[in-house]
């Protein structure tokens, strides 16, 4: 009978061997530090930019909430983010869709 610990260790070892075989790299080569990746820098800059816009749109929200929101929208199209941040103050359950559209001069499709 195999214990969970030995199965886990064996399974992990097999996964690493499979990874080495498939990619032709070692385990250490697979996990590249974020500082060496230029797309990570661009993503970080985008998140910081969105975070500043979110702070302006939602000044009374907690910092953690605003950070999570910035992370959630980091891959969205720029126009969608702009429209979203324009209407986010109305997304508290007290406004109807038509009212938001009227207040922000947007179409239902944009919302």
PDB file of N, CA and C in Angstrom:
ATOM      1  N   UNK A   1       0.844  -1.182   0.000  1.00  0.00           N
ATOM      2  CA  UNK A   1       0.000   0.000   0.000  1.00  0.00           C
ATOM      3  C   UNK A   1       0.889   1.246   0.000  1.00  0.00           C
ATOM      4  N   UNK A   2       0.605   2.193  -0.849  1.00  0.00           N
ATOM      5  CA  UNK A   2       1.400   3.404  -1.002  1.00  0.00           C
ATOM      6  C   UNK A   2       0.808   4.509  -0.148  1.00  0.00           C
ATOM      7  N   UNK A   3       1.638   5.195   0.607  1.00  0.00           N
ATOM      8  CA  UNK A   3       1.137   6.305   1.418  1.00  0.00           C
ATOM      9  C   UNK A   3       0.942   7.530   0.523  1.00  0.00           C
ATOM     10  N   UNK A   4       0.164   8.456   1.019  1.00  0.00           N
ATOM     11  CA  UNK A   4      -0.105   9.682   0.260  1.00  0.00           C
ATOM     12  C   UNK A   4       1.174  10.460   0.014  1.00  0.00           C
ATOM     13  N   UNK A   5       2.041  10.490   1.014  1.00  0.00           N
ATOM     14  CA  UNK A   5       3.289  11.231   0.881  1.00  0.00           C
ATOM     15  C   UNK A   5       4.166  10.651  -0.219  1.00  0.00           C
ATOM     16  N   UNK A   6       4.283   9.364  -0.258  1.00  0.00           N
ATOM     17  CA  UNK A   6       5.134   8.773  -1.282  1.00  0.00           C
ATOM     18  C   UNK A   6       4.514   8.926  -2.662  1.00  0.00           C
ATOM     19  N   UNK A   7       3.180   8.849  -2.750  1.00  0.00           N
ATOM     20  CA  UNK A   7       2.523   9.060  -4.046  1.00  0.00           C
ATOM     21  C   UNK A   7       2.752  10.494  -4.516  1.00  0.00           C
ATOM     22  N   UNK A   8       2.575  11.432  -3.586  1.00  0.00           N
ATOM     23  CA  UNK A   8       2.745  12.833  -3.932  1.00  0.00           C
ATOM     24  C   UNK A   8       4.171  13.106  -4.409  1.00  0.00           C
ATOM     25  N   UNK A   9       5.144  12.576  -3.698  1.00  0.00           N
ATOM     26  CA  UNK A   9       6.540  12.789  -4.080  1.00  0.00           C
ATOM     27  C   UNK A   9       6.834  12.152  -5.423  1.00  0.00           C
ATOM     28  N   UNK A  10       6.327  10.938  -5.634  1.00  0.00           N
ATOM     29  CA  UNK A  10       6.538  10.239  -6.905  1.00  0.00           C
ATOM     30  C   UNK A  10       5.852  10.993  -8.034  1.00  0.00           C
ATOM     31  N   UNK A  11       4.622  11.450  -7.787  1.00  0.00           N
ATOM     32  CA  UNK A  11       3.862  12.181  -8.798  1.00  0.00           C
ATOM     33  C   UNK A  11       4.586  13.474  -9.166  1.00  0.00           C
ATOM     34  N   UNK A  12       5.080  14.192  -8.164  1.00  0.00           N
ATOM     35  CA  UNK A  12       5.791  15.446  -8.412  1.00  0.00           C
ATOM     36  C   UNK A  12       7.059  15.188  -9.230  1.00  0.00           C
ATOM     37  N   UNK A  13       7.768  14.143  -8.862  1.00  0.00           N
ATOM     38  CA  UNK A  13       8.999  13.797  -9.577  1.00  0.00           C
ATOM     39  C   UNK A  13       8.705  13.472 -11.038  1.00  0.00           C
ATOM     40  N   UNK A  14       7.616  12.732 -11.277  1.00  0.00           N
ATOM     41  CA  UNK A  14       7.237  12.392 -12.653  1.00  0.00           C
ATOM     42  C   UNK A  14       6.840  13.653 -13.422  1.00  0.00           C
ATOM     43  N   UNK A  15       6.170  14.576 -12.754  1.00  0.00           N
ATOM     44  CA  UNK A  15       5.756  15.812 -13.418  1.00  0.00           C
ATOM     45  C   UNK A  15       6.966  16.628 -13.853  1.00  0.00           C
ATOM     46  N   UNK A  16       7.969  16.700 -13.001  1.00  0.00           N
ATOM     47  CA  UNK A  16       9.183  17.441 -13.324  1.00  0.00           C
ATOM     48  C   UNK A  16       9.908  16.779 -14.488  1.00  0.00           C
ATOM     49  N   UNK A  17      10.004  15.445 -14.464  1.00  0.00           N
ATOM     50  CA  UNK A  17      10.652  14.727 -15.563  1.00  0.00           C
ATOM     51  C   UNK A  17       9.907  14.953 -16.872  1.00  0.00           C
ATOM     52  N   UNK A  18       8.581  14.920 -16.820  1.00  0.00           N
ATOM     53  CA  UNK A  18       7.769  15.160 -18.020  1.00  0.00           C
ATOM     54  C   UNK A  18       7.989  16.577 -18.524  1.00  0.00           C
ATOM     55  N   UNK A  19       8.057  17.526 -17.607  1.00  0.00           N
ATOM     56  CA  UNK A  19       8.290  18.923 -17.966  1.00  0.00           C
ATOM     57  C   UNK A  19       9.636  19.084 -18.659  1.00  0.00           C
ATOM     58  N   UNK A  20      10.652  18.446 -18.125  1.00  0.00           N
ATOM     59  CA  UNK A  20      11.978  18.518 -18.730  1.00  0.00           C
ATOM     60  C   UNK A  20      11.978  17.917 -20.124  1.00  0.00           C
ATOM     61  N   UNK A  21      11.273  16.800 -20.283  1.00  0.00           N
ATOM     62  CA  UNK A  21      11.231  16.116 -21.568  1.00  0.00           C
ATOM     63  C   UNK A  21      10.484  16.950 -22.605  1.00  0.00           C
ATOM     64  N   UNK A  22       9.333  17.484 -22.213  1.00  0.00           N
ATOM     65  CA  UNK A  22       8.501  18.229 -23.158  1.00  0.00           C
ATOM     66  C   UNK A  22       9.130  19.557 -23.568  1.00  0.00           C
ATOM     67  N   UNK A  23       9.734  20.245 -22.626  1.00  0.00           N
ATOM     68  CA  UNK A  23      10.243  21.582 -22.925  1.00  0.00           C
ATOM     69  C   UNK A  23      11.732  21.624 -23.207  1.00  0.00           C
ATOM     70  N   UNK A  24      12.441  20.577 -22.833  1.00  0.00           N
ATOM     71  CA  UNK A  24      13.877  20.562 -23.035  1.00  0.00           C
ATOM     72  C   UNK A  24      14.600  21.494 -22.082  1.00  0.00           C
ATOM     73  N   UNK A  25      13.944  21.853 -20.975  1.00  0.00           N
ATOM     74  CA  UNK A  25      14.541  22.740 -19.991  1.00  0.00           C
ATOM     75  C   UNK A  25      14.489  22.090 -18.627  1.00  0.00           C
ATOM     76  N   UNK A  26      15.246  22.647 -17.716  1.00  0.00           N
ATOM     77  CA  UNK A  26      15.187  22.155 -16.345  1.00  0.00           C
ATOM     78  C   UNK A  26      14.066  22.863 -15.607  1.00  0.00           C
ATOM     79  N   UNK A  27      13.773  22.380 -14.424  1.00  0.00           N
ATOM     80  CA  UNK A  27      12.716  22.951 -13.595  1.00  0.00           C
ATOM     81  C   UNK A  27      12.983  24.424 -13.304  1.00  0.00           C
ATOM     82  N   UNK A  28      14.223  24.773 -13.058  1.00  0.00           N
ATOM     83  CA  UNK A  28      14.571  26.153 -12.722  1.00  0.00           C
ATOM     84  C   UNK A  28      14.402  27.092 -13.908  1.00  0.00           C
ATOM     85  N   UNK A  29      14.578  26.596 -15.121  1.00  0.00           N
ATOM     86  CA  UNK A  29      14.469  27.431 -16.306  1.00  0.00           C
ATOM     87  C   UNK A  29      13.036  27.810 -16.640  1.00  0.00           C
ATOM     88  N   UNK A  30      12.072  27.041 -16.150  1.00  0.00           N
ATOM     89  CA  UNK A  30      10.672  27.269 -16.492  1.00  0.00           C
ATOM     90  C   UNK A  30      10.134  28.513 -15.803  1.00  0.00           C
ATOM     91  N   UNK A  31      10.562  28.753 -14.580  1.00  0.00           N
ATOM     92  CA  UNK A  31      10.058  29.875 -13.807  1.00  0.00           C
ATOM     93  C   UNK A  31      11.011  31.046 -13.913  1.00  0.00           C
ATOM     94  N   UNK A  32      10.741  31.920 -14.869  1.00  0.00           N
ATOM     95  CA  UNK A  32      11.593  33.067 -15.145  1.00  0.00           C
ATOM     96  C   UNK A  32      11.146  34.214 -14.243  1.00  0.00           C
ATOM     97  N   UNK A  33      12.054  34.914 -13.598  1.00  0.00           N
ATOM     98  CA  UNK A  33      11.672  36.034 -12.743  1.00  0.00           C
ATOM     99  C   UNK A  33      10.915  37.097 -13.533  1.00  0.00           C
ATOM    100  N   UNK A  34       9.955  37.733 -12.891  1.00  0.00           N
ATOM    101  CA  UNK A  34       9.109  38.727 -13.555  1.00  0.00           C
ATOM    102  C   UNK A  34       9.905  39.926 -14.045  1.00  0.00           C
ATOM    103  N   UNK A  35      10.973  40.283 -13.393  1.00  0.00           N
ATOM    104  CA  UNK A  35      11.739  41.467 -13.779  1.00  0.00           C
ATOM    105  C   UNK A  35      12.389  41.326 -15.152  1.00  0.00           C
ATOM    106  N   UNK A  36      12.577  40.098 -15.616  1.00  0.00           N
ATOM    107  CA  UNK A  36      13.224  39.918 -16.909  1.00  0.00           C
ATOM    108  C   UNK A  36      12.229  39.852 -18.066  1.00  0.00           C
ATOM    109  N   UNK A  37      10.980  39.979 -17.792  1.00  0.00           N
ATOM    110  CA  UNK A  37       9.964  39.858 -18.825  1.00  0.00           C
ATOM    111  C   UNK A  37       9.403  41.242 -19.164  1.00  0.00           C
ATOM    112  N   UNK A  38       9.570  41.702 -20.400  1.00  0.00           N
ATOM    113  CA  UNK A  38       9.131  43.044 -20.787  1.00  0.00           C
ATOM    114  C   UNK A  38       7.615  43.174 -20.834  1.00  0.00           C
ATOM    115  N   UNK A  39       6.903  42.086 -21.158  1.00  0.00           N
ATOM    116  CA  UNK A  39       5.440  42.172 -21.178  1.00  0.00           C
ATOM    117  C   UNK A  39       4.890  42.346 -19.773  1.00  0.00           C
ATOM    118  N   UNK A  40       5.598  41.818 -18.784  1.00  0.00           N
ATOM    119  CA  UNK A  40       5.178  42.007 -17.397  1.00  0.00           C
ATOM    120  C   UNK A  40       5.287  43.469 -17.006  1.00  0.00           C
ATOM    121  N   UNK A  41       6.308  44.144 -17.481  1.00  0.00           N
ATOM    122  CA  UNK A  41       6.476  45.566 -17.203  1.00  0.00           C
ATOM    123  C   UNK A  41       5.337  46.370 -17.825  1.00  0.00           C
ATOM    124  N   UNK A  42       4.973  46.035 -19.045  1.00  0.00           N
ATOM    125  CA  UNK A  42       3.860  46.724 -19.709  1.00  0.00           C
ATOM    126  C   UNK A  42       2.554  46.480 -18.962  1.00  0.00           C
ATOM    127  N   UNK A  43       2.351  45.252 -18.508  1.00  0.00           N
ATOM    128  CA  UNK A  43       1.145  44.926 -17.757  1.00  0.00           C
ATOM    129  C   UNK A  43       1.117  45.685 -16.441  1.00  0.00           C
ATOM    130  N   UNK A  44       2.248  45.755 -15.765  1.00  0.00           N
ATOM    131  CA  UNK A  44       2.336  46.489 -14.501  1.00  0.00           C
ATOM    132  C   UNK A  44       2.037  47.963 -14.718  1.00  0.00           C
ATOM    133  N   UNK A  45       2.550  48.531 -15.787  1.00  0.00           N
ATOM    134  CA  UNK A  45       2.270  49.939 -16.096  1.00  0.00           C
ATOM    135  C   UNK A  45       0.783  50.153 -16.374  1.00  0.00           C
ATOM    136  N   UNK A  46       0.172  49.223 -17.098  1.00  0.00           N
ATOM    137  CA  UNK A  46      -1.251  49.322 -17.397  1.00  0.00           C
ATOM    138  C   UNK A  46      -2.074  49.243 -16.112  1.00  0.00           C
ATOM    139  N   UNK A  47      -1.703  48.321 -15.223  1.00  0.00           N
ATOM    140  CA  UNK A  47      -2.418  48.180 -13.958  1.00  0.00           C
ATOM    141  C   UNK A  47      -2.298  49.463 -13.134  1.00  0.00           C
ATOM    142  N   UNK A  48      -1.113  50.045 -13.086  1.00  0.00           N
ATOM    143  CA  UNK A  48      -0.911  51.289 -12.342  1.00  0.00           C
ATOM    144  C   UNK A  48      -1.748  52.427 -12.931  1.00  0.00           C
ATOM    145  N   UNK A  49      -1.815  52.487 -14.247  1.00  0.00           N
ATOM    146  CA  UNK A  49      -2.622  53.506 -14.903  1.00  0.00           C
ATOM    147  C   UNK A  49      -4.106  53.323 -14.565  1.00  0.00           C
ATOM    148  N   UNK A  50      -4.568  52.082 -14.649  1.00  0.00           N
ATOM    149  CA  UNK A  50      -5.968  51.799 -14.319  1.00  0.00           C
ATOM    150  C   UNK A  50      -6.248  52.072 -12.852  1.00  0.00           C
ATOM    151  N   UNK A  51      -5.283  51.775 -12.006  1.00  0.00           N
ATOM    152  CA  UNK A  51      -5.461  52.009 -10.582  1.00  0.00           C
ATOM    153  C   UNK A  51      -5.662  53.490 -10.296  1.00  0.00           C
ATOM    154  N   UNK A  52      -4.919  54.337 -10.974  1.00  0.00           N
ATOM    155  CA  UNK A  52      -5.091  55.785 -10.804  1.00  0.00           C
ATOM    156  C   UNK A  52      -6.486  56.229 -11.254  1.00  0.00           C
ATOM    157  N   UNK A  53      -6.954  55.680 -12.360  1.00  0.00           N
ATOM    158  CA  UNK A  53      -8.286  56.024 -12.847  1.00  0.00           C
ATOM    159  C   UNK A  53      -9.369  55.511 -11.894  1.00  0.00           C
ATOM    160  N   UNK A  54      -9.156  54.333 -11.334  1.00  0.00           N
ATOM    161  CA  UNK A  54     -10.125  53.755 -10.396  1.00  0.00           C
ATOM    162  C   UNK A  54     -10.170  54.587  -9.117  1.00  0.00           C
ATOM    163  N   UNK A  55      -9.021  55.058  -8.651  1.00  0.00           N
ATOM    164  CA  UNK A  55      -8.974  55.907  -7.459  1.00  0.00           C
ATOM    165  C   UNK A  55      -9.790  57.172  -7.687  1.00  0.00           C
ATOM    166  N   UNK A  56      -9.712  57.736  -8.881  1.00  0.00           N
ATOM    167  CA  UNK A  56     -10.498  58.931  -9.192  1.00  0.00           C
ATOM    168  C   UNK A  56     -11.987  58.606  -9.266  1.00  0.00           C
ATOM    169  N   UNK A  57     -12.317  57.446  -9.834  1.00  0.00           N
ATOM    170  CA  UNK A  57     -13.724  57.077  -9.986  1.00  0.00           C
ATOM    171  C   UNK A  57     -14.345  56.618  -8.673  1.00  0.00           C
ATOM    172  N   UNK A  58     -13.559  55.962  -7.824  1.00  0.00           N
ATOM    173  CA  UNK A  58     -14.059  55.415  -6.561  1.00  0.00           C
ATOM    174  C   UNK A  58     -13.165  55.844  -5.391  1.00  0.00           C
ATOM    175  N   UNK A  59     -13.218  57.114  -5.022  1.00  0.00           N
ATOM    176  CA  UNK A  59     -12.302  57.585  -3.977  1.00  0.00           C
ATOM    177  C   UNK A  59     -12.574  57.002  -2.593  1.00  0.00           C
ATOM    178  N   UNK A  60     -13.772  56.534  -2.321  1.00  0.00           N
ATOM    179  CA  UNK A  60     -14.118  56.057  -0.988  1.00  0.00           C
ATOM    180  C   UNK A  60     -13.961  54.556  -0.807  1.00  0.00           C
ATOM    181  N   UNK A  61     -13.553  53.850  -1.844  1.00  0.00           N
ATOM    182  CA  UNK A  61     -13.393  52.394  -1.740  1.00  0.00           C
ATOM    183  C   UNK A  61     -12.064  52.037  -1.097  1.00  0.00           C
ATOM    184  N   UNK A  62     -12.017  50.816  -0.536  1.00  0.00           N
ATOM    185  CA  UNK A  62     -10.778  50.324   0.071  1.00  0.00           C
ATOM    186  C   UNK A  62      -9.722  50.103  -1.009  1.00  0.00           C
ATOM    187  N   UNK A  63      -8.462  50.253  -0.603  1.00  0.00           N
ATOM    188  CA  UNK A  63      -7.339  50.097  -1.523  1.00  0.00           C
ATOM    189  C   UNK A  63      -7.292  48.685  -2.107  1.00  0.00           C
ATOM    190  N   UNK A  64      -7.567  47.657  -1.290  1.00  0.00           N
ATOM    191  CA  UNK A  64      -7.534  46.275  -1.762  1.00  0.00           C
ATOM    192  C   UNK A  64      -8.562  46.047  -2.872  1.00  0.00           C
ATOM    193  N   UNK A  65      -9.746  46.621  -2.701  1.00  0.00           N
ATOM    194  CA  UNK A  65     -10.799  46.496  -3.706  1.00  0.00           C
ATOM    195  C   UNK A  65     -10.360  47.130  -5.019  1.00  0.00           C
ATOM    196  N   UNK A  66      -9.779  48.320  -4.919  1.00  0.00           N
ATOM    197  CA  UNK A  66      -9.343  49.012  -6.134  1.00  0.00           C
ATOM    198  C   UNK A  66      -8.222  48.252  -6.831  1.00  0.00           C
ATOM    199  N   UNK A  67      -7.319  47.634  -6.069  1.00  0.00           N
ATOM    200  CA  UNK A  67      -6.258  46.836  -6.674  1.00  0.00           C
ATOM    201  C   UNK A  67      -6.818  45.610  -7.384  1.00  0.00           C
ATOM    202  N   UNK A  68      -7.744  44.940  -6.753  1.00  0.00           N
ATOM    203  CA  UNK A  68      -8.367  43.760  -7.384  1.00  0.00           C
ATOM    204  C   UNK A  68      -9.103  44.137  -8.648  1.00  0.00           C
ATOM    205  N   UNK A  69      -9.762  45.273  -8.626  1.00  0.00           N
ATOM    206  CA  UNK A  69     -10.471  45.756  -9.804  1.00  0.00           C
ATOM    207  C   UNK A  69      -9.493  46.052 -10.935  1.00  0.00           C
ATOM    208  N   UNK A  70      -8.383  46.686 -10.628  1.00  0.00           N
ATOM    209  CA  UNK A  70      -7.360  46.979 -11.637  1.00  0.00           C
ATOM    210  C   UNK A  70      -6.802  45.689 -12.227  1.00  0.00           C
ATOM    211  N   UNK A  71      -6.575  44.690 -11.401  1.00  0.00           N
ATOM    212  CA  UNK A  71      -6.091  43.398 -11.896  1.00  0.00           C
ATOM    213  C   UNK A  71      -7.130  42.710 -12.777  1.00  0.00           C
ATOM    214  N   UNK A  72      -8.390  42.864 -12.427  1.00  0.00           N
ATOM    215  CA  UNK A  72      -9.455  42.210 -13.185  1.00  0.00           C
ATOM    216  C   UNK A  72      -9.625  42.800 -14.585  1.00  0.00           C
ATOM    217  N   UNK A  73      -9.364  44.086 -14.735  1.00  0.00           N
ATOM    218  CA  UNK A  73      -9.593  44.735 -16.028  1.00  0.00           C
ATOM    219  C   UNK A  73      -8.317  44.932 -16.829  1.00  0.00           C
ATOM    220  N   UNK A  74      -7.204  44.416 -16.354  1.00  0.00           N
ATOM    221  CA  UNK A  74      -5.905  44.683 -16.994  1.00  0.00           C
ATOM    222  C   UNK A  74      -5.814  44.234 -18.443  1.00  0.00           C
ATOM    223  N   UNK A  75      -6.565  43.214 -18.837  1.00  0.00           N
ATOM    224  CA  UNK A  75      -6.482  42.707 -20.207  1.00  0.00           C
ATOM    225  C   UNK A  75      -7.624  43.181 -21.105  1.00  0.00           C
ATOM    226  N   UNK A  76      -8.482  44.048 -20.583  1.00  0.00           N
ATOM    227  CA  UNK A  76      -9.618  44.534 -21.362  1.00  0.00           C
ATOM    228  C   UNK A  76      -9.172  45.604 -22.358  1.00  0.00           C
ATOM    229  N   UNK A  77     -10.008  45.820 -23.356  1.00  0.00           N
ATOM    230  CA  UNK A  77      -9.725  46.879 -24.328  1.00  0.00           C
ATOM    231  C   UNK A  77      -9.826  48.236 -23.644  1.00  0.00           C
ATOM    232  N   UNK A  78      -9.014  49.162 -24.115  1.00  0.00           N
ATOM    233  CA  UNK A  78      -8.934  50.495 -23.506  1.00  0.00           C
ATOM    234  C   UNK A  78     -10.293  51.199 -23.484  1.00  0.00           C
ATOM    235  N   UNK A  79     -11.032  51.119 -24.581  1.00  0.00           N
ATOM    236  CA  UNK A  79     -12.339  51.789 -24.640  1.00  0.00           C
ATOM    237  C   UNK A  79     -13.328  51.165 -23.664  1.00  0.00           C
ATOM    238  N   UNK A  80     -13.272  49.856 -23.507  1.00  0.00           N
ATOM    239  CA  UNK A  80     -14.165  49.182 -22.562  1.00  0.00           C
ATOM    240  C   UNK A  80     -13.853  49.603 -21.129  1.00  0.00           C
ATOM    241  N   UNK A  81     -12.579  49.737 -20.830  1.00  0.00           N
ATOM    242  CA  UNK A  81     -12.179  50.172 -19.487  1.00  0.00           C
ATOM    243  C   UNK A  81     -12.650  51.602 -19.241  1.00  0.00           C
ATOM    244  N   UNK A  82     -12.481  52.454 -20.213  1.00  0.00           N
ATOM    245  CA  UNK A  82     -12.920  53.847 -20.091  1.00  0.00           C
ATOM    246  C   UNK A  82     -14.420  53.919 -19.834  1.00  0.00           C
ATOM    247  N   UNK A  83     -15.186  53.168 -20.614  1.00  0.00           N
ATOM    248  CA  UNK A  83     -16.648  53.148 -20.437  1.00  0.00           C
ATOM    249  C   UNK A  83     -17.024  52.566 -19.077  1.00  0.00           C
ATOM    250  N   UNK A  84     -16.351  51.506 -18.678  1.00  0.00           N
ATOM    251  CA  UNK A  84     -16.637  50.872 -17.390  1.00  0.00           C
ATOM    252  C   UNK A  84     -16.369  51.827 -16.236  1.00  0.00           C
ATOM    253  N   UNK A  85     -15.234  52.505 -16.277  1.00  0.00           N
ATOM    254  CA  UNK A  85     -14.898  53.436 -15.203  1.00  0.00           C
ATOM    255  C   UNK A  85     -15.828  54.643 -15.193  1.00  0.00           C
ATOM    256  N   UNK A  86     -16.424  54.931 -16.323  1.00  0.00           N
ATOM    257  CA  UNK A  86     -17.378  56.033 -16.427  1.00  0.00           C
ATOM    258  C   UNK A  86     -18.680  55.701 -15.689  1.00  0.00           C
ATOM    259  N   UNK A  87     -19.076  54.426 -15.717  1.00  0.00           N
ATOM    260  CA  UNK A  87     -20.364  54.037 -15.122  1.00  0.00           C
ATOM    261  C   UNK A  87     -20.226  53.301 -13.790  1.00  0.00           C
ATOM    262  N   UNK A  88     -19.014  53.030 -13.345  1.00  0.00           N
ATOM    263  CA  UNK A  88     -18.837  52.209 -12.142  1.00  0.00           C
ATOM    264  C   UNK A  88     -19.511  52.812 -10.906  1.00  0.00           C
ATOM    265  N   UNK A  89     -19.565  54.134 -10.843  1.00  0.00           N
ATOM    266  CA  UNK A  89     -20.188  54.776  -9.671  1.00  0.00           C
ATOM    267  C   UNK A  89     -21.684  54.493  -9.579  1.00  0.00           C
ATOM    268  N   UNK A  90     -22.284  54.063 -10.684  1.00  0.00           N
ATOM    269  CA  UNK A  90     -23.715  53.760 -10.694  1.00  0.00           C
ATOM    270  C   UNK A  90     -24.009  52.279 -10.427  1.00  0.00           C
ATOM    271  N   UNK A  91     -22.987  51.468 -10.342  1.00  0.00           N
ATOM    272  CA  UNK A  91     -23.192  50.023 -10.208  1.00  0.00           C
ATOM    273  C   UNK A  91     -23.300  49.607  -8.740  1.00  0.00           C
ATOM    274  N   UNK A  92     -24.237  50.228  -8.050  1.00  0.00           N
ATOM    275  CA  UNK A  92     -24.453  49.908  -6.645  1.00  0.00           C
ATOM    276  C   UNK A  92     -25.852  49.347  -6.379  1.00  0.00           C
ATOM    277  N   UNK A  93     -26.588  49.089  -7.440  1.00  0.00           N
ATOM    278  CA  UNK A  93     -27.909  48.483  -7.300  1.00  0.00           C
ATOM    279  C   UNK A  93     -29.054  49.459  -7.181  1.00  0.00           C
ATOM    280  N   UNK A  94     -28.802  50.743  -7.263  1.00  0.00           N
ATOM    281  CA  UNK A  94     -29.881  51.722  -7.110  1.00  0.00           C
ATOM    282  C   UNK A  94     -30.264  52.413  -8.415  1.00  0.00           C
ATOM    283  N   UNK A  95     -29.549  52.158  -9.486  1.00  0.00           N
ATOM    284  CA  UNK A  95     -29.821  52.803 -10.767  1.00  0.00           C
ATOM    285  C   UNK A  95     -30.286  51.778 -11.790  1.00  0.00           C
ATOM    286  N   UNK A  96     -31.210  52.188 -12.635  1.00  0.00           N
ATOM    287  CA  UNK A  96     -31.650  51.355 -13.750  1.00  0.00           C
ATOM    288  C   UNK A  96     -30.728  51.584 -14.944  1.00  0.00           C
ATOM    289  N   UNK A  97     -30.699  50.629 -15.826  1.00  0.00           N
ATOM    290  CA  UNK A  97     -29.853  50.700 -17.012  1.00  0.00           C
ATOM    291  C   UNK A  97     -30.149  51.947 -17.834  1.00  0.00           C
ATOM    292  N   UNK A  98     -31.427  52.227 -18.036  1.00  0.00           N
ATOM    293  CA  UNK A  98     -31.811  53.399 -18.829  1.00  0.00           C
ATOM    294  C   UNK A  98     -31.387  54.698 -18.148  1.00  0.00           C
ATOM    295  N   UNK A  99     -31.442  54.714 -16.832  1.00  0.00           N
ATOM    296  CA  UNK A  99     -31.038  55.893 -16.087  1.00  0.00           C
ATOM    297  C   UNK A  99     -29.532  56.143 -16.223  1.00  0.00           C
ATOM    298  N   UNK A 100     -28.748  55.073 -16.141  1.00  0.00           N
ATOM    299  CA  UNK A 100     -27.303  55.192 -16.316  1.00  0.00           C
ATOM    300  C   UNK A 100     -26.988  55.686 -17.723  1.00  0.00           C
ATOM    301  N   UNK A 101     -27.668  55.123 -18.711  1.00  0.00           N
ATOM    302  CA  UNK A 101     -27.453  55.530 -20.100  1.00  0.00           C
ATOM    303  C   UNK A 101     -27.769  57.013 -20.277  1.00  0.00           C
ATOM    304  N   UNK A 102     -28.828  57.468 -19.675  1.00  0.00           N
ATOM    305  CA  UNK A 102     -29.217  58.869 -19.784  1.00  0.00           C
ATOM    306  C   UNK A 102     -28.224  59.780 -19.061  1.00  0.00           C
ATOM    307  N   UNK A 103     -27.835  59.406 -17.861  1.00  0.00           N
ATOM    308  CA  UNK A 103     -26.921  60.232 -17.073  1.00  0.00           C
ATOM    309  C   UNK A 103     -25.543  60.361 -17.712  1.00  0.00           C
ATOM    310  N   UNK A 104     -25.086  59.322 -18.377  1.00  0.00           N
ATOM    311  CA  UNK A 104     -23.747  59.329 -18.967  1.00  0.00           C
ATOM    312  C   UNK A 104     -23.756  59.501 -20.481  1.00  0.00           C
ATOM    313  N   UNK A 105     -24.931  59.730 -21.047  1.00  0.00           N
ATOM    314  CA  UNK A 105     -25.068  59.920 -22.486  1.00  0.00           C
ATOM    315  C   UNK A 105     -24.435  58.766 -23.265  1.00  0.00           C
ATOM    316  N   UNK A 106     -24.853  57.555 -22.892  1.00  0.00           N
ATOM    317  CA  UNK A 106     -24.354  56.342 -23.528  1.00  0.00           C
ATOM    318  C   UNK A 106     -25.550  55.539 -24.041  1.00  0.00           C
ATOM    319  N   UNK A 107     -25.252  54.645 -24.964  1.00  0.00           N
ATOM    320  CA  UNK A 107     -26.296  53.746 -25.442  1.00  0.00           C
ATOM    321  C   UNK A 107     -26.321  52.490 -24.563  1.00  0.00           C
ATOM    322  N   UNK A 108     -27.409  51.749 -24.667  1.00  0.00           N
ATOM    323  CA  UNK A 108     -27.484  50.487 -23.915  1.00  0.00           C
ATOM    324  C   UNK A 108     -26.388  49.536 -24.341  1.00  0.00           C
ATOM    325  N   UNK A 109     -26.077  49.549 -25.607  1.00  0.00           N
ATOM    326  CA  UNK A 109     -25.013  48.670 -26.126  1.00  0.00           C
ATOM    327  C   UNK A 109     -23.661  49.015 -25.498  1.00  0.00           C
ATOM    328  N   UNK A 110     -23.373  50.288 -25.336  1.00  0.00           N
ATOM    329  CA  UNK A 110     -22.119  50.691 -24.703  1.00  0.00           C
ATOM    330  C   UNK A 110     -22.046  50.220 -23.245  1.00  0.00           C
ATOM    331  N   UNK A 111     -23.184  50.307 -22.584  1.00  0.00           N
ATOM    332  CA  UNK A 111     -23.212  49.875 -21.182  1.00  0.00           C
ATOM    333  C   UNK A 111     -23.091  48.377 -21.114  1.00  0.00           C
TER     334      UNK A 111
END
